[in-house]
Structures are given as structure tokens and as C-alpha cells.
Amino acid sequence: TVLAKYPYYLVNIVIFAPIMEEFVFRKVL
């Protein structure tokens, strides 16, 4: 729904979220 209106938000899903989540859940936890 968000992407339909704001296509640039894809960078959050494909780049930013994976980087931050891997640092937290794989690197730390």
C-alpha cells in the first residue's frame, strides 16, 4: 500500500531494513 503511493520507499524494504535487521538479529543476538 505504501509502495503504491511512494515507490521510493522500496529502498527501506530492500536496503535499509535488511542491513539494520542483520546487524541486530544476526550480529548481536
PDB file of all heavy atoms in Angstrom:
ATOM      1  N   THR A   1       0.829  -1.201   0.000  1.00  0.00           N
ATOM      2  CA  THR A   1       0.000   0.000   0.000  1.00  0.00           C
ATOM      3  C   THR A   1       0.869   1.258   0.000  1.00  0.00           C
ATOM      4  O   THR A   1       0.596   2.218  -0.740  1.00  0.00           O
ATOM      5  CB  THR A   1      -0.920   0.013   1.239  1.00  0.00           C
ATOM      6  OG1 THR A   1      -1.746  -1.150   1.220  1.00  0.00           O
ATOM      7  CG2 THR A   1      -1.803   1.253   1.244  1.00  0.00           C
ATOM      8  N   VAL A   2       1.916   1.242   0.815  1.00  0.00           N
ATOM      9  CA  VAL A   2       2.833   2.378   0.883  1.00  0.00           C
ATOM     10  C   VAL A   2       3.566   2.555  -0.442  1.00  0.00           C
ATOM     11  O   VAL A   2       3.698   3.664  -0.970  1.00  0.00           O
ATOM     12  CB  VAL A   2       3.846   2.204   2.037  1.00  0.00           C
ATOM     13  CG1 VAL A   2       4.899   3.314   2.003  1.00  0.00           C
ATOM     14  CG2 VAL A   2       3.124   2.204   3.375  1.00  0.00           C
ATOM     15  N   LEU A   3       4.053   1.436  -1.010  1.00  0.00           N
ATOM     16  CA  LEU A   3       4.807   1.500  -2.259  1.00  0.00           C
ATOM     17  C   LEU A   3       3.962   2.009  -3.423  1.00  0.00           C
ATOM     18  O   LEU A   3       4.487   2.646  -4.345  1.00  0.00           O
ATOM     19  CB  LEU A   3       5.366   0.117  -2.599  1.00  0.00           C
ATOM     20  CG  LEU A   3       6.552  -0.359  -1.759  1.00  0.00           C
ATOM     21  CD1 LEU A   3       6.861  -1.820  -2.063  1.00  0.00           C
ATOM     22  CD2 LEU A   3       7.772   0.507  -2.023  1.00  0.00           C
ATOM     23  N   ALA A   4       2.682   1.712  -3.405  1.00  0.00           N
ATOM     24  CA  ALA A   4       1.808   2.169  -4.485  1.00  0.00           C
ATOM     25  C   ALA A   4       1.772   3.699  -4.559  1.00  0.00           C
ATOM     26  O   ALA A   4       1.620   4.276  -5.637  1.00  0.00           O
ATOM     27  CB  ALA A   4       0.398   1.625  -4.278  1.00  0.00           C
ATOM     28  N   LYS A   5       1.944   4.337  -3.409  1.00  0.00           N
ATOM     29  CA  LYS A   5       1.902   5.801  -3.361  1.00  0.00           C
ATOM     30  C   LYS A   5       3.296   6.415  -3.311  1.00  0.00           C
ATOM     31  O   LYS A   5       3.517   7.510  -3.838  1.00  0.00           O
ATOM     32  CB  LYS A   5       1.093   6.246  -2.142  1.00  0.00           C
ATOM     33  CG  LYS A   5       0.694   7.708  -2.181  1.00  0.00           C
ATOM     34  CD  LYS A   5      -0.314   8.025  -1.100  1.00  0.00           C
ATOM     35  CE  LYS A   5      -0.786   9.485  -1.216  1.00  0.00           C
ATOM     36  NZ  LYS A   5      -1.776   9.814  -0.156  1.00  0.00           N
ATOM     37  N   TYR A   6       4.227   5.701  -2.673  1.00  0.00           N
ATOM     38  CA  TYR A   6       5.588   6.227  -2.512  1.00  0.00           C
ATOM     39  C   TYR A   6       6.591   5.163  -2.969  1.00  0.00           C
ATOM     40  O   TYR A   6       7.157   4.440  -2.138  1.00  0.00           O
ATOM     41  CB  TYR A   6       5.858   6.598  -1.052  1.00  0.00           C
ATOM     42  CG  TYR A   6       4.800   7.481  -0.430  1.00  0.00           C
ATOM     43  CD1 TYR A   6       3.852   6.946   0.440  1.00  0.00           C
ATOM     44  CD2 TYR A   6       4.744   8.838  -0.723  1.00  0.00           C
ATOM     45  CE1 TYR A   6       2.878   7.753   1.006  1.00  0.00           C
ATOM     46  CE2 TYR A   6       3.772   9.650  -0.168  1.00  0.00           C
ATOM     47  CZ  TYR A   6       2.840   9.100   0.699  1.00  0.00           C
ATOM     48  OH  TYR A   6       1.869   9.905   1.250  1.00  0.00           O
ATOM     49  N   PRO A   7       6.810   5.022  -4.266  1.00  0.00           N
ATOM     50  CA  PRO A   7       7.691   3.954  -4.786  1.00  0.00           C
ATOM     51  C   PRO A   7       9.109   3.992  -4.215  1.00  0.00           C
ATOM     52  O   PRO A   7       9.745   2.948  -4.089  1.00  0.00           O
ATOM     53  CB  PRO A   7       7.688   4.204  -6.301  1.00  0.00           C
ATOM     54  CG  PRO A   7       6.427   4.951  -6.560  1.00  0.00           C
ATOM     55  CD  PRO A   7       6.207   5.804  -5.352  1.00  0.00           C
ATOM     56  N   TYR A   8       9.601   5.182  -3.881  1.00  0.00           N
ATOM     57  CA  TYR A   8      10.968   5.294  -3.344  1.00  0.00           C
ATOM     58  C   TYR A   8      11.129   4.577  -2.018  1.00  0.00           C
ATOM     59  O   TYR A   8      12.247   4.288  -1.585  1.00  0.00           O
ATOM     60  CB  TYR A   8      11.354   6.767  -3.169  1.00  0.00           C
ATOM     61  CG  TYR A   8      10.490   7.514  -2.183  1.00  0.00           C
ATOM     62  CD1 TYR A   8      10.740   7.441  -0.811  1.00  0.00           C
ATOM     63  CD2 TYR A   8       9.422   8.286  -2.622  1.00  0.00           C
ATOM     64  CE1 TYR A   8       9.933   8.113   0.093  1.00  0.00           C
ATOM     65  CE2 TYR A   8       8.616   8.962  -1.721  1.00  0.00           C
ATOM     66  CZ  TYR A   8       8.871   8.873  -0.368  1.00  0.00           C
ATOM     67  OH  TYR A   8       8.076   9.524   0.540  1.00  0.00           O
ATOM     68  N   TYR A   9      10.000   4.255  -1.366  1.00  0.00           N
ATOM     69  CA  TYR A   9      10.067   3.565  -0.071  1.00  0.00           C
ATOM     70  C   TYR A   9      10.666   2.171  -0.214  1.00  0.00           C
ATOM     71  O   TYR A   9      11.019   1.530   0.778  1.00  0.00           O
ATOM     72  CB  TYR A   9       8.668   3.474   0.544  1.00  0.00           C
ATOM     73  CG  TYR A   9       8.659   3.199   2.027  1.00  0.00           C
ATOM     74  CD1 TYR A   9       8.974   4.199   2.936  1.00  0.00           C
ATOM     75  CD2 TYR A   9       8.348   1.928   2.516  1.00  0.00           C
ATOM     76  CE1 TYR A   9       8.967   3.947   4.298  1.00  0.00           C
ATOM     77  CE2 TYR A   9       8.345   1.675   3.869  1.00  0.00           C
ATOM     78  CZ  TYR A   9       8.653   2.687   4.760  1.00  0.00           C
ATOM     79  OH  TYR A   9       8.657   2.434   6.111  1.00  0.00           O
ATOM     80  N   LEU A  10      10.800   1.710  -1.455  1.00  0.00           N
ATOM     81  CA  LEU A  10      11.398   0.395  -1.709  1.00  0.00           C
ATOM     82  C   LEU A  10      12.814   0.303  -1.139  1.00  0.00           C
ATOM     83  O   LEU A  10      13.252  -0.779  -0.738  1.00  0.00           O
ATOM     84  CB  LEU A  10      11.423   0.116  -3.217  1.00  0.00           C
ATOM     85  CG  LEU A  10      11.882  -1.284  -3.645  1.00  0.00           C
ATOM     86  CD1 LEU A  10      10.906  -2.352  -3.162  1.00  0.00           C
ATOM     87  CD2 LEU A  10      12.032  -1.360  -5.157  1.00  0.00           C
ATOM     88  N   VAL A  11      13.533   1.420  -1.085  1.00  0.00           N
ATOM     89  CA  VAL A  11      14.903   1.375  -0.552  1.00  0.00           C
ATOM     90  C   VAL A  11      14.903   0.981   0.915  1.00  0.00           C
ATOM     91  O   VAL A  11      15.855   0.357   1.404  1.00  0.00           O
ATOM     92  CB  VAL A  11      15.648   2.714  -0.744  1.00  0.00           C
ATOM     93  CG1 VAL A  11      15.794   3.060  -2.205  1.00  0.00           C
ATOM     94  CG2 VAL A  11      14.964   3.849   0.024  1.00  0.00           C
ATOM     95  N   ASN A  12      13.845   1.316   1.640  1.00  0.00           N
ATOM     96  CA  ASN A  12      13.735   0.908   3.037  1.00  0.00           C
ATOM     97  C   ASN A  12      13.580  -0.606   3.161  1.00  0.00           C
ATOM     98  O   ASN A  12      14.165  -1.237   4.034  1.00  0.00           O
ATOM     99  CB  ASN A  12      12.533   1.595   3.703  1.00  0.00           C
ATOM    100  CG  ASN A  12      12.735   3.074   3.884  1.00  0.00           C
ATOM    101  OD1 ASN A  12      13.428   3.512   4.786  1.00  0.00           O
ATOM    102  ND2 ASN A  12      12.129   3.863   3.010  1.00  0.00           N
ATOM    103  N   ILE A  13      12.792  -1.170   2.255  1.00  0.00           N
ATOM    104  CA  ILE A  13      12.482  -2.599   2.315  1.00  0.00           C
ATOM    105  C   ILE A  13      13.648  -3.455   1.830  1.00  0.00           C
ATOM    106  O   ILE A  13      13.948  -4.498   2.417  1.00  0.00           O
ATOM    107  CB  ILE A  13      11.231  -2.892   1.450  1.00  0.00           C
ATOM    108  CG1 ILE A  13      10.050  -2.057   1.942  1.00  0.00           C
ATOM    109  CG2 ILE A  13      10.891  -4.379   1.467  1.00  0.00           C
ATOM    110  CD1 ILE A  13       8.871  -2.034   0.988  1.00  0.00           C
ATOM    111  N   VAL A  14      14.299  -3.007   0.774  1.00  0.00           N
ATOM    112  CA  VAL A  14      15.324  -3.825   0.116  1.00  0.00           C
ATOM    113  C   VAL A  14      16.740  -3.529   0.621  1.00  0.00           C
ATOM    114  O   VAL A  14      17.613  -4.391   0.545  1.00  0.00           O
ATOM    115  CB  VAL A  14      15.239  -3.623  -1.415  1.00  0.00           C
ATOM    116  CG1 VAL A  14      16.344  -4.365  -2.136  1.00  0.00           C
ATOM    117  CG2 VAL A  14      13.886  -4.097  -1.932  1.00  0.00           C
ATOM    118  N   ILE A  15      16.964  -2.335   1.145  1.00  0.00           N
ATOM    119  CA  ILE A  15      18.318  -1.969   1.568  1.00  0.00           C
ATOM    120  C   ILE A  15      18.410  -1.701   3.069  1.00  0.00           C
ATOM    121  O   ILE A  15      19.129  -2.387   3.797  1.00  0.00           O
ATOM    122  CB  ILE A  15      18.823  -0.739   0.786  1.00  0.00           C
ATOM    123  CG1 ILE A  15      18.879  -1.053  -0.711  1.00  0.00           C
ATOM    124  CG2 ILE A  15      20.211  -0.317   1.289  1.00  0.00           C
ATOM    125  CD1 ILE A  15      19.267   0.123  -1.584  1.00  0.00           C
ATOM    126  N   PHE A  16      17.661  -0.710   3.538  1.00  0.00           N
ATOM    127  CA  PHE A  16      17.839  -0.263   4.921  1.00  0.00           C
ATOM    128  C   PHE A  16      17.392  -1.306   5.954  1.00  0.00           C
ATOM    129  O   PHE A  16      18.116  -1.586   6.915  1.00  0.00           O
ATOM    130  CB  PHE A  16      17.097   1.051   5.159  1.00  0.00           C
ATOM    131  CG  PHE A  16      17.570   2.170   4.281  1.00  0.00           C
ATOM    132  CD1 PHE A  16      16.711   3.200   3.903  1.00  0.00           C
ATOM    133  CD2 PHE A  16      18.872   2.211   3.805  1.00  0.00           C
ATOM    134  CE1 PHE A  16      17.142   4.240   3.098  1.00  0.00           C
ATOM    135  CE2 PHE A  16      19.316   3.242   2.983  1.00  0.00           C
ATOM    136  CZ  PHE A  16      18.448   4.256   2.624  1.00  0.00           C
ATOM    137  N   ALA A  17      16.198  -1.874   5.777  1.00  0.00           N
ATOM    138  CA  ALA A  17      15.701  -2.853   6.746  1.00  0.00           C
ATOM    139  C   ALA A  17      16.601  -4.088   6.839  1.00  0.00           C
ATOM    140  O   ALA A  17      16.958  -4.503   7.952  1.00  0.00           O
ATOM    141  CB  ALA A  17      14.263  -3.263   6.406  1.00  0.00           C
ATOM    142  N   PRO A  18      17.011  -4.698   5.711  1.00  0.00           N
ATOM    143  CA  PRO A  18      17.908  -5.861   5.827  1.00  0.00           C
ATOM    144  C   PRO A  18      19.229  -5.540   6.532  1.00  0.00           C
ATOM    145  O   PRO A  18      19.718  -6.343   7.336  1.00  0.00           O
ATOM    146  CB  PRO A  18      18.146  -6.261   4.368  1.00  0.00           C
ATOM    147  CG  PRO A  18      16.925  -5.807   3.657  1.00  0.00           C
ATOM    148  CD  PRO A  18      16.559  -4.516   4.321  1.00  0.00           C
ATOM    149  N   ILE A  19      19.805  -4.380   6.252  1.00  0.00           N
ATOM    150  CA  ILE A  19      21.078  -4.031   6.891  1.00  0.00           C
ATOM    151  C   ILE A  19      20.904  -3.918   8.394  1.00  0.00           C
ATOM    152  O   ILE A  19      21.649  -4.535   9.185  1.00  0.00           O
ATOM    153  CB  ILE A  19      21.636  -2.712   6.314  1.00  0.00           C
ATOM    154  CG1 ILE A  19      22.104  -2.913   4.872  1.00  0.00           C
ATOM    155  CG2 ILE A  19      22.799  -2.203   7.170  1.00  0.00           C
ATOM    156  CD1 ILE A  19      22.526  -1.633   4.172  1.00  0.00           C
ATOM    157  N   MET A  20      19.921  -3.146   8.831  1.00  0.00           N
ATOM    158  CA  MET A  20      19.730  -2.949  10.268  1.00  0.00           C
ATOM    159  C   MET A  20      19.322  -4.235  10.976  1.00  0.00           C
ATOM    160  O   MET A  20      19.805  -4.540  12.070  1.00  0.00           O
ATOM    161  CB  MET A  20      18.703  -1.842  10.513  1.00  0.00           C
ATOM    162  CG  MET A  20      19.223  -0.454  10.162  1.00  0.00           C
ATOM    163  SD  MET A  20      18.214   0.899  10.812  1.00  0.00           S
ATOM    164  CE  MET A  20      16.781   0.762   9.750  1.00  0.00           C
ATOM    165  N   GLU A  21      18.451  -5.005  10.340  1.00  0.00           N
ATOM    166  CA  GLU A  21      17.995  -6.246  10.974  1.00  0.00           C
ATOM    167  C   GLU A  21      19.110  -7.278  11.076  1.00  0.00           C
ATOM    168  O   GLU A  21      19.198  -8.010  12.069  1.00  0.00           O
ATOM    169  CB  GLU A  21      16.797  -6.807  10.207  1.00  0.00           C
ATOM    170  CG  GLU A  21      15.533  -5.987  10.395  1.00  0.00           C
ATOM    171  CD  GLU A  21      14.355  -6.509   9.607  1.00  0.00           C
ATOM    172  OE1 GLU A  21      14.530  -7.500   8.852  1.00  0.00           O
ATOM    173  OE2 GLU A  21      13.255  -5.937   9.727  1.00  0.00           O
ATOM    174  N   GLU A  22      19.970  -7.348  10.077  1.00  0.00           N
ATOM    175  CA  GLU A  22      21.076  -8.306  10.147  1.00  0.00           C
ATOM    176  C   GLU A  22      22.104  -7.900  11.203  1.00  0.00           C
ATOM    177  O   GLU A  22      22.668  -8.751  11.893  1.00  0.00           O
ATOM    178  CB  GLU A  22      21.744  -8.468   8.777  1.00  0.00           C
ATOM    179  CG  GLU A  22      20.864  -9.123   7.735  1.00  0.00           C
ATOM    180  CD  GLU A  22      20.201 -10.391   8.237  1.00  0.00           C
ATOM    181  OE1 GLU A  22      20.910 -11.298   8.717  1.00  0.00           O
ATOM    182  OE2 GLU A  22      18.957 -10.471   8.178  1.00  0.00           O
ATOM    183  N   PHE A  23      22.346  -6.612  11.344  1.00  0.00           N
ATOM    184  CA  PHE A  23      23.239  -6.161  12.404  1.00  0.00           C
ATOM    185  C   PHE A  23      22.686  -6.534  13.773  1.00  0.00           C
ATOM    186  O   PHE A  23      23.427  -6.988  14.652  1.00  0.00           O
ATOM    187  CB  PHE A  23      23.453  -4.642  12.333  1.00  0.00           C
ATOM    188  CG  PHE A  23      24.676  -4.239  11.564  1.00  0.00           C
ATOM    189  CD1 PHE A  23      24.581  -3.803  10.250  1.00  0.00           C
ATOM    190  CD2 PHE A  23      25.936  -4.294  12.142  1.00  0.00           C
ATOM    191  CE1 PHE A  23      25.705  -3.428   9.527  1.00  0.00           C
ATOM    192  CE2 PHE A  23      27.071  -3.936  11.437  1.00  0.00           C
ATOM    193  CZ  PHE A  23      26.964  -3.499  10.131  1.00  0.00           C
ATOM    194  N   VAL A  24      21.389  -6.364  13.967  1.00  0.00           N
ATOM    195  CA  VAL A  24      20.790  -6.619  15.275  1.00  0.00           C
ATOM    196  C   VAL A  24      20.576  -8.109  15.525  1.00  0.00           C
ATOM    197  O   VAL A  24      21.050  -8.658  16.530  1.00  0.00           O
ATOM    198  CB  VAL A  24      19.446  -5.862  15.411  1.00  0.00           C
ATOM    199  CG1 VAL A  24      18.712  -6.298  16.682  1.00  0.00           C
ATOM    200  CG2 VAL A  24      19.691  -4.371  15.440  1.00  0.00           C
ATOM    201  N   PHE A  25      19.874  -8.771  14.611  1.00  0.00           N
ATOM    202  CA  PHE A  25      19.451 -10.145  14.881  1.00  0.00           C
ATOM    203  C   PHE A  25      20.524 -11.191  14.572  1.00  0.00           C
ATOM    204  O   PHE A  25      20.536 -12.252  15.187  1.00  0.00           O
ATOM    205  CB  PHE A  25      18.168 -10.457  14.109  1.00  0.00           C
ATOM    206  CG  PHE A  25      16.993  -9.655  14.583  1.00  0.00           C
ATOM    207  CD1 PHE A  25      16.563  -8.538  13.891  1.00  0.00           C
ATOM    208  CD2 PHE A  25      16.337  -9.995  15.752  1.00  0.00           C
ATOM    209  CE1 PHE A  25      15.499  -7.772  14.328  1.00  0.00           C
ATOM    210  CE2 PHE A  25      15.257  -9.247  16.217  1.00  0.00           C
ATOM    211  CZ  PHE A  25      14.844  -8.129  15.499  1.00  0.00           C
ATOM    212  N   ARG A  26      21.395 -10.921  13.620  1.00  0.00           N
ATOM    213  CA  ARG A  26      22.461 -11.885  13.328  1.00  0.00           C
ATOM    214  C   ARG A  26      23.781 -11.495  13.979  1.00  0.00           C
ATOM    215  O   ARG A  26      24.472 -12.345  14.543  1.00  0.00           O
ATOM    216  CB  ARG A  26      22.643 -12.030  11.814  1.00  0.00           C
ATOM    217  CG  ARG A  26      22.066 -13.310  11.269  1.00  0.00           C
ATOM    218  CD  ARG A  26      20.586 -13.512  11.580  1.00  0.00           C
ATOM    219  NE  ARG A  26      19.721 -12.577  10.881  1.00  0.00           N
ATOM    220  CZ  ARG A  26      18.409 -12.515  11.052  1.00  0.00           C
ATOM    221  NH1 ARG A  26      17.799 -13.301  11.931  1.00  0.00           N
ATOM    222  NH2 ARG A  26      17.667 -11.635  10.382  1.00  0.00           N
ATOM    223  N   LYS A  27      24.147 -10.230  13.965  1.00  0.00           N
ATOM    224  CA  LYS A  27      25.424  -9.801  14.540  1.00  0.00           C
ATOM    225  C   LYS A  27      25.380  -9.816  16.067  1.00  0.00           C
ATOM    226  O   LYS A  27      26.260 -10.374  16.722  1.00  0.00           O
ATOM    227  CB  LYS A  27      25.771  -8.407  14.025  1.00  0.00           C
ATOM    228  CG  LYS A  27      27.055  -7.803  14.613  1.00  0.00           C
ATOM    229  CD  LYS A  27      28.285  -8.524  14.155  1.00  0.00           C
ATOM    230  CE  LYS A  27      29.541  -7.831  14.646  1.00  0.00           C
ATOM    231  NZ  LYS A  27      30.737  -8.667  14.442  1.00  0.00           N
ATOM    232  N   VAL A  28      24.346  -9.190  16.635  1.00  0.00           N
ATOM    233  CA  VAL A  28      24.265  -9.073  18.100  1.00  0.00           C
ATOM    234  C   VAL A  28      23.578 -10.277  18.730  1.00  0.00           C
ATOM    235  O   VAL A  28      24.160 -10.985  19.555  1.00  0.00           O
ATOM    236  CB  VAL A  28      23.529  -7.773  18.503  1.00  0.00           C
ATOM    237  CG1 VAL A  28      23.312  -7.737  20.015  1.00  0.00           C
ATOM    238  CG2 VAL A  28      24.332  -6.557  18.069  1.00  0.00           C
ATOM    239  N   LEU A  29      22.312 -10.503  18.346  1.00  0.00           N
ATOM    240  CA  LEU A  29      21.506 -11.509  19.038  1.00  0.00           C
ATOM    241  C   LEU A  29      21.861 -12.941  18.648  1.00  0.00           C
ATOM    242  O   LEU A  29      21.424 -13.876  19.322  1.00  0.00           O
ATOM    243  CB  LEU A  29      20.024 -11.248  18.782  1.00  0.00           C
ATOM    244  CG  LEU A  29      19.513  -9.904  19.341  1.00  0.00           C
ATOM    245  CD1 LEU A  29      18.057  -9.687  18.963  1.00  0.00           C
ATOM    246  CD2 LEU A  29      19.687  -9.842  20.849  1.00  0.00           C
TER     247      LEU A  29
END
